[in-house]
Amino acid sequence: MKSKNAPAKPKGSPTSSAGGMAGVEINKKIKLRYYKFTDVFKGFEDVDAVKKIFGKNTKKVISELKVMLVSTKWGYLWVDDRNLSIGCNYDYIKRADDRHIYLDVIHELTHIKQGMEGKNLFDDSFEYVDSPTEIEAYKKGVTEAKRLGMSNDEIIEYLKVDWVDKKDFSRLLKAVGLA
């Protein structure tokens, strides 16, 4: 997932509290390297949406999950399906709106669960917007965005990515109930 706008500027603290997101903190004073998930994204193990993804295994999965911060000109967050870790664009984490990062994390945690279940996260037999794994992850993000009080217009703007054209984007919106 992603967002290309709405920079969030941390105010001198090592973490930025994500407003309305129940104890979640995003560490924006990070360097390029591997981290434990909880060193970058704090409090997700207590988020209801995450508990729905992993159930009774939530704390164990979150405690074992790794995050890799990389410098890249593309992307936002993604799952490395070889080791089920989360990759993060360093500049995106430093500058993006906390709500968008939060929703991206929910999306990627959905992919982590799918990978744990043996699902193919990059099934080339589907277009990106038709992939069952993507639709499931986007739906979880949309549900959480609505819970946060985002309007449909805000959610639609958030969901836009450079690699999806208007026709495909319309299909995605329909698939996640926003058409």
N, C-alpha and C. Protein backbone atom coordinates (compact mmCIF):
# COMPACT_ATOMS: atom_id res chain seq x y z
N MET A 1 0.84 -1.17 0.00
CA MET A 1 0.00 0.00 0.00
C MET A 1 0.87 1.22 0.00
N LYS A 2 0.24 2.37 0.17
CA LYS A 2 1.03 3.57 0.07
C LYS A 2 0.24 4.83 0.31
N SER A 3 0.96 5.90 0.30
CA SER A 3 0.42 7.24 0.15
C SER A 3 1.55 8.12 -0.29
N LYS A 4 1.28 9.02 -1.21
CA LYS A 4 2.36 9.84 -1.74
C LYS A 4 2.36 11.26 -1.19
N ASN A 5 1.38 11.59 -0.36
CA ASN A 5 1.30 12.96 0.11
C ASN A 5 1.10 13.03 1.62
N ALA A 6 0.78 14.20 2.08
CA ALA A 6 0.49 14.46 3.49
C ALA A 6 1.64 14.08 4.41
N PRO A 7 2.76 14.82 4.31
CA PRO A 7 3.89 14.49 5.17
C PRO A 7 3.55 14.69 6.64
N ALA A 8 4.03 13.77 7.45
CA ALA A 8 3.88 13.89 8.89
C ALA A 8 5.24 14.20 9.46
N LYS A 9 5.36 15.28 10.20
CA LYS A 9 6.65 15.67 10.74
C LYS A 9 6.69 15.38 12.22
N PRO A 10 7.55 14.45 12.63
CA PRO A 10 7.67 14.19 14.05
C PRO A 10 8.19 15.42 14.76
N LYS A 11 7.73 15.67 15.96
CA LYS A 11 8.09 16.88 16.68
C LYS A 11 9.17 16.62 17.71
N GLY A 12 10.32 16.18 17.23
CA GLY A 12 11.47 16.02 18.11
C GLY A 12 11.52 14.76 18.92
N SER A 13 10.49 13.95 18.87
CA SER A 13 10.52 12.72 19.65
C SER A 13 10.91 11.56 18.75
N PRO A 14 11.42 10.47 19.33
CA PRO A 14 11.84 9.35 18.51
C PRO A 14 10.67 8.63 17.86
N THR A 15 9.48 8.84 18.36
CA THR A 15 8.32 8.20 17.76
C THR A 15 7.26 9.24 17.50
N SER A 16 6.41 8.95 16.56
CA SER A 16 5.29 9.81 16.26
C SER A 16 4.03 9.04 16.62
N SER A 17 3.25 9.56 17.54
CA SER A 17 2.02 8.88 17.95
C SER A 17 0.98 9.03 16.86
N ALA A 18 0.41 7.93 16.44
CA ALA A 18 -0.58 7.94 15.38
C ALA A 18 -1.95 8.23 15.99
N GLY A 19 -2.43 9.47 15.83
CA GLY A 19 -3.68 9.90 16.43
C GLY A 19 -4.86 9.01 16.07
N GLY A 20 -5.67 8.65 17.06
CA GLY A 20 -6.84 7.82 16.85
C GLY A 20 -6.52 6.35 16.61
N MET A 21 -5.29 5.97 16.82
CA MET A 21 -4.89 4.61 16.52
C MET A 21 -4.41 3.88 17.77
N ALA A 22 -5.13 4.05 18.84
CA ALA A 22 -5.03 3.28 20.07
C ALA A 22 -3.65 2.80 20.46
N GLY A 23 -2.79 3.71 20.87
CA GLY A 23 -1.49 3.32 21.42
C GLY A 23 -0.43 2.94 20.40
N VAL A 24 -0.71 3.13 19.13
CA VAL A 24 0.27 2.81 18.09
C VAL A 24 1.26 3.97 17.97
N GLU A 25 2.54 3.62 17.86
CA GLU A 25 3.58 4.61 17.62
C GLU A 25 4.43 4.15 16.45
N ILE A 26 4.83 5.11 15.62
CA ILE A 26 5.69 4.83 14.47
C ILE A 26 7.02 5.53 14.71
N ASN A 27 8.07 4.73 14.82
CA ASN A 27 9.40 5.27 15.08
C ASN A 27 9.94 5.89 13.79
N LYS A 28 10.08 7.19 13.80
CA LYS A 28 10.56 7.91 12.61
C LYS A 28 12.04 8.28 12.73
N LYS A 29 12.65 7.92 13.84
CA LYS A 29 14.09 8.17 14.02
C LYS A 29 14.83 6.86 13.82
N ILE A 30 14.78 6.39 12.60
CA ILE A 30 15.33 5.10 12.24
C ILE A 30 16.43 5.27 11.22
N LYS A 31 17.21 4.23 11.07
CA LYS A 31 18.28 4.22 10.08
C LYS A 31 18.02 3.07 9.11
N LEU A 32 18.78 3.04 8.03
CA LEU A 32 18.66 1.97 7.05
C LEU A 32 19.24 0.68 7.62
N ARG A 33 18.38 -0.30 7.89
CA ARG A 33 18.83 -1.61 8.36
C ARG A 33 17.63 -2.46 8.70
N TYR A 34 17.88 -3.69 9.15
CA TYR A 34 16.83 -4.58 9.65
C TYR A 34 16.50 -4.22 11.09
N TYR A 35 15.23 -4.34 11.43
CA TYR A 35 14.76 -4.10 12.79
C TYR A 35 13.77 -5.20 13.17
N LYS A 36 13.56 -5.34 14.46
CA LYS A 36 12.39 -6.06 14.92
C LYS A 36 11.19 -5.17 14.59
N PHE A 37 10.09 -5.76 14.19
CA PHE A 37 8.88 -5.00 13.85
C PHE A 37 8.55 -4.00 14.95
N THR A 38 8.63 -4.45 16.19
CA THR A 38 8.23 -3.61 17.32
C THR A 38 9.20 -2.46 17.60
N ASP A 39 10.37 -2.46 16.97
CA ASP A 39 11.29 -1.33 17.10
C ASP A 39 10.87 -0.17 16.18
N VAL A 40 10.09 -0.48 15.16
CA VAL A 40 9.63 0.54 14.22
C VAL A 40 8.15 0.84 14.43
N PHE A 41 7.36 -0.20 14.62
CA PHE A 41 5.91 -0.07 14.74
C PHE A 41 5.47 -0.61 16.10
N LYS A 42 5.22 0.29 17.02
CA LYS A 42 4.87 -0.11 18.39
C LYS A 42 3.35 -0.13 18.57
N GLY A 43 2.89 -1.11 19.33
CA GLY A 43 1.49 -1.17 19.72
C GLY A 43 0.56 -1.91 18.78
N PHE A 44 1.04 -2.39 17.65
CA PHE A 44 0.17 -3.08 16.70
C PHE A 44 -0.37 -4.40 17.26
N GLU A 45 0.35 -5.00 18.19
CA GLU A 45 -0.13 -6.26 18.76
C GLU A 45 -1.42 -6.08 19.56
N ASP A 46 -1.74 -4.82 19.90
CA ASP A 46 -2.95 -4.54 20.66
C ASP A 46 -4.08 -3.96 19.80
N VAL A 47 -3.86 -3.85 18.50
CA VAL A 47 -4.86 -3.30 17.58
C VAL A 47 -5.85 -4.41 17.21
N ASP A 48 -7.14 -4.13 17.36
CA ASP A 48 -8.17 -5.13 17.07
C ASP A 48 -8.06 -5.70 15.66
N ALA A 49 -7.79 -4.84 14.67
CA ALA A 49 -7.68 -5.30 13.28
C ALA A 49 -6.54 -6.32 13.13
N VAL A 50 -5.46 -6.14 13.86
CA VAL A 50 -4.32 -7.06 13.81
C VAL A 50 -4.68 -8.35 14.53
N LYS A 51 -5.37 -8.23 15.65
CA LYS A 51 -5.81 -9.42 16.38
C LYS A 51 -6.75 -10.27 15.52
N LYS A 52 -7.55 -9.61 14.68
CA LYS A 52 -8.44 -10.35 13.78
C LYS A 52 -7.64 -11.08 12.71
N ILE A 53 -6.51 -10.54 12.32
CA ILE A 53 -5.67 -11.18 11.30
C ILE A 53 -5.00 -12.42 11.87
N PHE A 54 -4.37 -12.30 13.04
CA PHE A 54 -3.53 -13.37 13.57
C PHE A 54 -4.15 -14.16 14.73
N GLY A 55 -5.26 -13.69 15.26
CA GLY A 55 -5.92 -14.39 16.36
C GLY A 55 -5.02 -14.55 17.57
N LYS A 56 -5.07 -15.74 18.17
CA LYS A 56 -4.31 -16.00 19.40
C LYS A 56 -2.80 -15.95 19.18
N ASN A 57 -2.35 -15.97 17.93
CA ASN A 57 -0.91 -15.92 17.62
C ASN A 57 -0.38 -14.51 17.43
N THR A 58 -1.21 -13.50 17.65
CA THR A 58 -0.83 -12.12 17.35
C THR A 58 0.49 -11.72 18.00
N LYS A 59 0.61 -11.85 19.30
CA LYS A 59 1.83 -11.39 19.99
C LYS A 59 3.06 -12.15 19.52
N LYS A 60 2.93 -13.45 19.29
CA LYS A 60 4.05 -14.25 18.83
C LYS A 60 4.50 -13.81 17.43
N VAL A 61 3.55 -13.66 16.50
CA VAL A 61 3.89 -13.26 15.13
C VAL A 61 4.55 -11.88 15.14
N ILE A 62 3.94 -10.93 15.83
CA ILE A 62 4.46 -9.57 15.87
C ILE A 62 5.86 -9.56 16.50
N SER A 63 6.08 -10.32 17.54
CA SER A 63 7.39 -10.32 18.21
C SER A 63 8.49 -10.93 17.35
N GLU A 64 8.13 -11.80 16.42
CA GLU A 64 9.13 -12.45 15.57
C GLU A 64 9.31 -11.78 14.21
N LEU A 65 8.44 -10.86 13.88
CA LEU A 65 8.44 -10.22 12.56
C LEU A 65 9.61 -9.24 12.42
N LYS A 66 10.21 -9.21 11.23
CA LYS A 66 11.32 -8.30 10.93
C LYS A 66 10.88 -7.26 9.91
N VAL A 67 11.51 -6.10 9.99
CA VAL A 67 11.27 -4.99 9.07
C VAL A 67 12.62 -4.56 8.51
N MET A 68 12.66 -4.34 7.20
CA MET A 68 13.87 -3.87 6.55
C MET A 68 13.61 -2.48 5.97
N LEU A 69 14.39 -1.50 6.42
CA LEU A 69 14.30 -0.14 5.89
C LEU A 69 15.33 0.00 4.78
N VAL A 70 14.87 0.41 3.60
CA VAL A 70 15.77 0.54 2.46
C VAL A 70 15.57 1.90 1.80
N SER A 71 16.62 2.36 1.17
CA SER A 71 16.56 3.59 0.39
C SER A 71 16.24 3.20 -1.05
N THR A 72 15.10 3.63 -1.52
CA THR A 72 14.66 3.30 -2.87
C THR A 72 13.82 4.44 -3.42
N LYS A 73 13.76 4.56 -4.72
CA LYS A 73 12.96 5.62 -5.35
C LYS A 73 11.52 5.18 -5.59
N TRP A 74 11.21 3.91 -5.33
CA TRP A 74 9.87 3.40 -5.58
C TRP A 74 9.32 2.73 -4.33
N GLY A 75 8.03 2.58 -4.31
CA GLY A 75 7.40 1.78 -3.28
C GLY A 75 7.17 2.48 -1.97
N TYR A 76 6.45 1.79 -1.14
CA TYR A 76 6.06 2.30 0.15
C TYR A 76 6.37 1.23 1.20
N LEU A 77 5.48 0.26 1.35
CA LEU A 77 5.72 -0.93 2.17
C LEU A 77 5.39 -2.15 1.31
N TRP A 78 6.04 -3.27 1.59
CA TRP A 78 5.81 -4.50 0.84
C TRP A 78 6.25 -5.68 1.68
N VAL A 79 5.86 -6.87 1.26
CA VAL A 79 6.28 -8.09 1.94
C VAL A 79 7.31 -8.80 1.08
N ASP A 80 8.38 -9.22 1.71
CA ASP A 80 9.37 -10.08 1.06
C ASP A 80 8.87 -11.50 1.29
N ASP A 81 8.39 -12.13 0.23
CA ASP A 81 7.78 -13.45 0.38
C ASP A 81 8.79 -14.57 0.62
N ARG A 82 10.08 -14.27 0.50
CA ARG A 82 11.11 -15.29 0.77
C ARG A 82 11.25 -15.56 2.27
N ASN A 83 11.10 -14.51 3.07
CA ASN A 83 11.28 -14.68 4.52
C ASN A 83 10.14 -14.07 5.34
N LEU A 84 9.09 -13.65 4.65
CA LEU A 84 7.92 -13.02 5.29
C LEU A 84 8.32 -11.90 6.24
N SER A 85 9.13 -10.99 5.72
CA SER A 85 9.45 -9.76 6.44
C SER A 85 8.81 -8.60 5.68
N ILE A 86 8.77 -7.46 6.31
CA ILE A 86 8.19 -6.27 5.67
C ILE A 86 9.32 -5.35 5.25
N GLY A 87 9.29 -4.96 3.99
CA GLY A 87 10.21 -3.96 3.48
C GLY A 87 9.55 -2.60 3.53
N CYS A 88 10.34 -1.59 3.84
CA CYS A 88 9.81 -0.23 3.94
C CYS A 88 10.73 0.74 3.22
N ASN A 89 10.13 1.62 2.45
CA ASN A 89 10.87 2.72 1.85
C ASN A 89 11.20 3.71 2.97
N TYR A 90 12.48 3.88 3.20
CA TYR A 90 12.98 4.72 4.30
C TYR A 90 12.38 6.13 4.25
N ASP A 91 12.42 6.76 3.07
CA ASP A 91 11.91 8.14 2.95
C ASP A 91 10.41 8.20 3.21
N TYR A 92 9.70 7.19 2.78
CA TYR A 92 8.26 7.14 3.02
C TYR A 92 7.96 7.10 4.52
N ILE A 93 8.64 6.24 5.23
CA ILE A 93 8.42 6.13 6.68
C ILE A 93 8.74 7.46 7.37
N LYS A 94 9.77 8.12 6.93
CA LYS A 94 10.17 9.39 7.56
C LYS A 94 9.16 10.51 7.31
N ARG A 95 8.47 10.49 6.15
CA ARG A 95 7.67 11.65 5.76
C ARG A 95 6.16 11.44 5.65
N ALA A 96 5.71 10.22 5.52
CA ALA A 96 4.29 9.99 5.24
C ALA A 96 3.40 10.25 6.44
N ASP A 97 2.16 10.49 6.15
CA ASP A 97 1.13 10.67 7.17
C ASP A 97 1.02 9.39 7.99
N ASP A 98 0.94 9.52 9.29
CA ASP A 98 0.88 8.36 10.19
C ASP A 98 -0.31 7.45 9.89
N ARG A 99 -1.46 8.04 9.54
CA ARG A 99 -2.62 7.19 9.22
C ARG A 99 -2.33 6.31 8.02
N HIS A 100 -1.64 6.86 7.05
CA HIS A 100 -1.34 6.09 5.84
C HIS A 100 -0.35 4.97 6.14
N ILE A 101 0.66 5.26 6.93
CA ILE A 101 1.60 4.21 7.32
C ILE A 101 0.86 3.13 8.10
N TYR A 102 0.03 3.54 9.04
CA TYR A 102 -0.76 2.61 9.84
C TYR A 102 -1.59 1.68 8.94
N LEU A 103 -2.29 2.25 7.98
CA LEU A 103 -3.11 1.45 7.07
C LEU A 103 -2.25 0.55 6.19
N ASP A 104 -1.09 1.04 5.78
CA ASP A 104 -0.17 0.22 5.00
C ASP A 104 0.31 -0.98 5.82
N VAL A 105 0.57 -0.76 7.10
CA VAL A 105 1.01 -1.85 7.96
C VAL A 105 -0.09 -2.90 8.08
N ILE A 106 -1.34 -2.47 8.25
CA ILE A 106 -2.47 -3.41 8.31
C ILE A 106 -2.51 -4.23 7.01
N HIS A 107 -2.37 -3.56 5.88
CA HIS A 107 -2.36 -4.22 4.56
C HIS A 107 -1.25 -5.26 4.50
N GLU A 108 -0.04 -4.88 4.88
CA GLU A 108 1.09 -5.80 4.77
C GLU A 108 1.01 -6.93 5.80
N LEU A 109 0.47 -6.66 6.97
CA LEU A 109 0.28 -7.75 7.94
C LEU A 109 -0.71 -8.79 7.40
N THR A 110 -1.68 -8.33 6.64
CA THR A 110 -2.59 -9.26 5.98
C THR A 110 -1.81 -10.17 5.03
N HIS A 111 -0.87 -9.58 4.28
CA HIS A 111 -0.03 -10.39 3.39
C HIS A 111 0.88 -11.34 4.17
N ILE A 112 1.36 -10.91 5.32
CA ILE A 112 2.18 -11.81 6.15
C ILE A 112 1.36 -13.04 6.51
N LYS A 113 0.13 -12.83 6.96
CA LYS A 113 -0.75 -13.94 7.31
C LYS A 113 -1.00 -14.83 6.10
N GLN A 114 -1.26 -14.22 4.94
CA GLN A 114 -1.48 -15.00 3.73
C GLN A 114 -0.25 -15.85 3.40
N GLY A 115 0.93 -15.27 3.54
CA GLY A 115 2.17 -16.00 3.29
C GLY A 115 2.34 -17.15 4.27
N MET A 116 1.98 -16.92 5.52
CA MET A 116 2.05 -17.98 6.54
C MET A 116 1.12 -19.14 6.18
N GLU A 117 0.03 -18.82 5.50
CA GLU A 117 -0.94 -19.84 5.08
C GLU A 117 -0.53 -20.52 3.78
N GLY A 118 0.61 -20.10 3.22
CA GLY A 118 1.10 -20.71 1.99
C GLY A 118 0.52 -20.12 0.71
N LYS A 119 -0.18 -19.00 0.82
CA LYS A 119 -0.75 -18.38 -0.37
C LYS A 119 0.35 -17.72 -1.19
N ASN A 120 0.17 -17.73 -2.50
CA ASN A 120 1.10 -17.08 -3.41
C ASN A 120 0.80 -15.59 -3.43
N LEU A 121 1.68 -14.79 -2.88
CA LEU A 121 1.45 -13.34 -2.79
C LEU A 121 1.66 -12.63 -4.11
N PHE A 122 2.34 -13.27 -5.04
CA PHE A 122 2.65 -12.64 -6.32
C PHE A 122 2.23 -13.55 -7.47
N ASP A 123 0.97 -13.95 -7.45
CA ASP A 123 0.42 -14.87 -8.45
C ASP A 123 0.23 -14.13 -9.78
N ASP A 124 1.08 -14.44 -10.75
CA ASP A 124 1.05 -13.77 -12.05
C ASP A 124 -0.17 -14.12 -12.90
N SER A 125 -0.98 -15.07 -12.46
CA SER A 125 -2.17 -15.40 -13.23
C SER A 125 -3.28 -14.37 -13.03
N PHE A 126 -3.06 -13.41 -12.13
CA PHE A 126 -4.02 -12.34 -11.87
C PHE A 126 -3.38 -10.99 -12.16
N GLU A 127 -4.17 -10.06 -12.64
CA GLU A 127 -3.76 -8.66 -12.67
C GLU A 127 -3.69 -8.20 -11.21
N TYR A 128 -2.85 -7.23 -10.93
CA TYR A 128 -2.67 -6.75 -9.55
C TYR A 128 -4.00 -6.47 -8.87
N VAL A 129 -4.89 -5.73 -9.52
CA VAL A 129 -6.15 -5.32 -8.88
C VAL A 129 -7.17 -6.45 -8.78
N ASP A 130 -6.90 -7.58 -9.43
CA ASP A 130 -7.80 -8.72 -9.37
C ASP A 130 -7.28 -9.84 -8.46
N SER A 131 -6.09 -9.67 -7.94
CA SER A 131 -5.47 -10.70 -7.11
C SER A 131 -6.27 -10.87 -5.82
N PRO A 132 -6.68 -12.09 -5.51
CA PRO A 132 -7.44 -12.31 -4.27
C PRO A 132 -6.67 -11.88 -3.02
N THR A 133 -5.34 -12.05 -3.02
CA THR A 133 -4.57 -11.63 -1.84
C THR A 133 -4.56 -10.11 -1.71
N GLU A 134 -4.46 -9.40 -2.84
CA GLU A 134 -4.50 -7.94 -2.78
C GLU A 134 -5.86 -7.44 -2.37
N ILE A 135 -6.90 -8.01 -2.95
CA ILE A 135 -8.26 -7.55 -2.61
C ILE A 135 -8.53 -7.75 -1.12
N GLU A 136 -8.14 -8.90 -0.57
CA GLU A 136 -8.32 -9.14 0.86
C GLU A 136 -7.58 -8.10 1.69
N ALA A 137 -6.33 -7.81 1.33
CA ALA A 137 -5.53 -6.83 2.08
C ALA A 137 -6.10 -5.42 1.95
N TYR A 138 -6.52 -5.06 0.74
CA TYR A 138 -7.13 -3.74 0.55
C TYR A 138 -8.42 -3.62 1.34
N LYS A 139 -9.24 -4.66 1.36
CA LYS A 139 -10.50 -4.62 2.11
C LYS A 139 -10.24 -4.39 3.60
N LYS A 140 -9.24 -5.06 4.14
CA LYS A 140 -8.93 -4.86 5.56
C LYS A 140 -8.49 -3.41 5.81
N GLY A 141 -7.70 -2.87 4.89
CA GLY A 141 -7.29 -1.47 5.02
C GLY A 141 -8.45 -0.50 4.93
N VAL A 142 -9.37 -0.75 4.00
CA VAL A 142 -10.54 0.12 3.83
C VAL A 142 -11.42 0.05 5.08
N THR A 143 -11.63 -1.13 5.61
CA THR A 143 -12.42 -1.28 6.84
C THR A 143 -11.80 -0.48 7.98
N GLU A 144 -10.49 -0.58 8.10
CA GLU A 144 -9.80 0.14 9.18
C GLU A 144 -9.82 1.65 8.94
N ALA A 145 -9.69 2.08 7.68
CA ALA A 145 -9.75 3.51 7.35
C ALA A 145 -11.12 4.08 7.73
N LYS A 146 -12.16 3.32 7.46
CA LYS A 146 -13.51 3.77 7.85
C LYS A 146 -13.63 3.84 9.36
N ARG A 147 -13.05 2.86 10.07
CA ARG A 147 -13.09 2.89 11.53
C ARG A 147 -12.38 4.13 12.07
N LEU A 148 -11.33 4.56 11.37
CA LEU A 148 -10.61 5.77 11.77
C LEU A 148 -11.37 7.05 11.46
N GLY A 149 -12.46 6.94 10.72
CA GLY A 149 -13.27 8.10 10.39
C GLY A 149 -12.91 8.77 9.07
N MET A 150 -12.10 8.11 8.25
CA MET A 150 -11.76 8.68 6.95
C MET A 150 -12.98 8.63 6.04
N SER A 151 -13.16 9.69 5.26
CA SER A 151 -14.26 9.72 4.29
C SER A 151 -13.91 8.83 3.10
N ASN A 152 -14.92 8.47 2.32
CA ASN A 152 -14.67 7.67 1.12
C ASN A 152 -13.69 8.38 0.19
N ASP A 153 -13.82 9.70 0.04
CA ASP A 153 -12.90 10.45 -0.81
C ASP A 153 -11.46 10.37 -0.29
N GLU A 154 -11.29 10.47 1.02
CA GLU A 154 -9.94 10.35 1.61
C GLU A 154 -9.37 8.95 1.38
N ILE A 155 -10.21 7.96 1.53
CA ILE A 155 -9.75 6.57 1.34
C ILE A 155 -9.37 6.35 -0.12
N ILE A 156 -10.20 6.82 -1.02
CA ILE A 156 -9.91 6.66 -2.45
C ILE A 156 -8.60 7.34 -2.80
N GLU A 157 -8.39 8.53 -2.31
CA GLU A 157 -7.12 9.25 -2.58
C GLU A 157 -5.95 8.47 -2.00
N TYR A 158 -6.10 7.94 -0.81
CA TYR A 158 -5.06 7.16 -0.17
C TYR A 158 -4.71 5.91 -1.00
N LEU A 159 -5.71 5.27 -1.57
CA LEU A 159 -5.51 4.01 -2.30
C LEU A 159 -4.81 4.18 -3.65
N LYS A 160 -4.78 5.39 -4.18
CA LYS A 160 -4.16 5.60 -5.49
C LYS A 160 -2.66 5.30 -5.44
N VAL A 161 -2.23 4.52 -6.43
CA VAL A 161 -0.81 4.21 -6.58
C VAL A 161 -0.40 4.45 -8.03
N ASP A 162 0.87 4.74 -8.24
CA ASP A 162 1.38 5.07 -9.56
C ASP A 162 1.26 3.93 -10.56
N TRP A 163 1.29 2.69 -10.09
CA TRP A 163 1.35 1.56 -11.00
C TRP A 163 -0.03 1.01 -11.40
N VAL A 164 -1.11 1.69 -11.01
CA VAL A 164 -2.46 1.25 -11.37
C VAL A 164 -3.14 2.36 -12.17
N ASP A 165 -3.52 2.04 -13.42
CA ASP A 165 -4.18 3.06 -14.25
C ASP A 165 -5.64 3.25 -13.82
N LYS A 166 -6.30 4.25 -14.39
CA LYS A 166 -7.66 4.62 -13.96
C LYS A 166 -8.66 3.48 -14.14
N LYS A 167 -8.57 2.77 -15.25
CA LYS A 167 -9.52 1.67 -15.51
C LYS A 167 -9.35 0.57 -14.46
N ASP A 168 -8.12 0.17 -14.21
CA ASP A 168 -7.86 -0.86 -13.20
C ASP A 168 -8.21 -0.37 -11.80
N PHE A 169 -7.95 0.91 -11.54
CA PHE A 169 -8.26 1.48 -10.23
C PHE A 169 -9.77 1.42 -9.97
N SER A 170 -10.56 1.68 -10.99
CA SER A 170 -12.01 1.58 -10.85
C SER A 170 -12.43 0.16 -10.47
N ARG A 171 -11.76 -0.85 -11.07
CA ARG A 171 -12.05 -2.24 -10.73
C ARG A 171 -11.69 -2.53 -9.28
N LEU A 172 -10.56 -2.00 -8.84
CA LEU A 172 -10.14 -2.19 -7.45
C LEU A 172 -11.16 -1.57 -6.50
N LEU A 173 -11.57 -0.33 -6.79
CA LEU A 173 -12.55 0.34 -5.92
C LEU A 173 -13.84 -0.47 -5.82
N LYS A 174 -14.27 -1.03 -6.94
CA LYS A 174 -15.48 -1.86 -6.92
C LYS A 174 -15.26 -3.09 -6.07
N ALA A 175 -14.10 -3.72 -6.21
CA ALA A 175 -13.80 -4.95 -5.46
C ALA A 175 -13.76 -4.73 -3.95
N VAL A 176 -13.39 -3.50 -3.53
CA VAL A 176 -13.30 -3.23 -2.08
C VAL A 176 -14.51 -2.45 -1.57
N GLY A 177 -15.53 -2.30 -2.43
CA GLY A 177 -16.78 -1.68 -2.00
C GLY A 177 -16.79 -0.17 -1.97
N LEU A 178 -15.94 0.46 -2.79
CA LEU A 178 -15.91 1.92 -2.81
C LEU A 178 -16.34 2.52 -4.15
N ALA A 179 -16.90 1.70 -5.03
CA ALA A 179 -17.31 2.21 -6.35
C ALA A 179 -18.70 2.80 -6.28
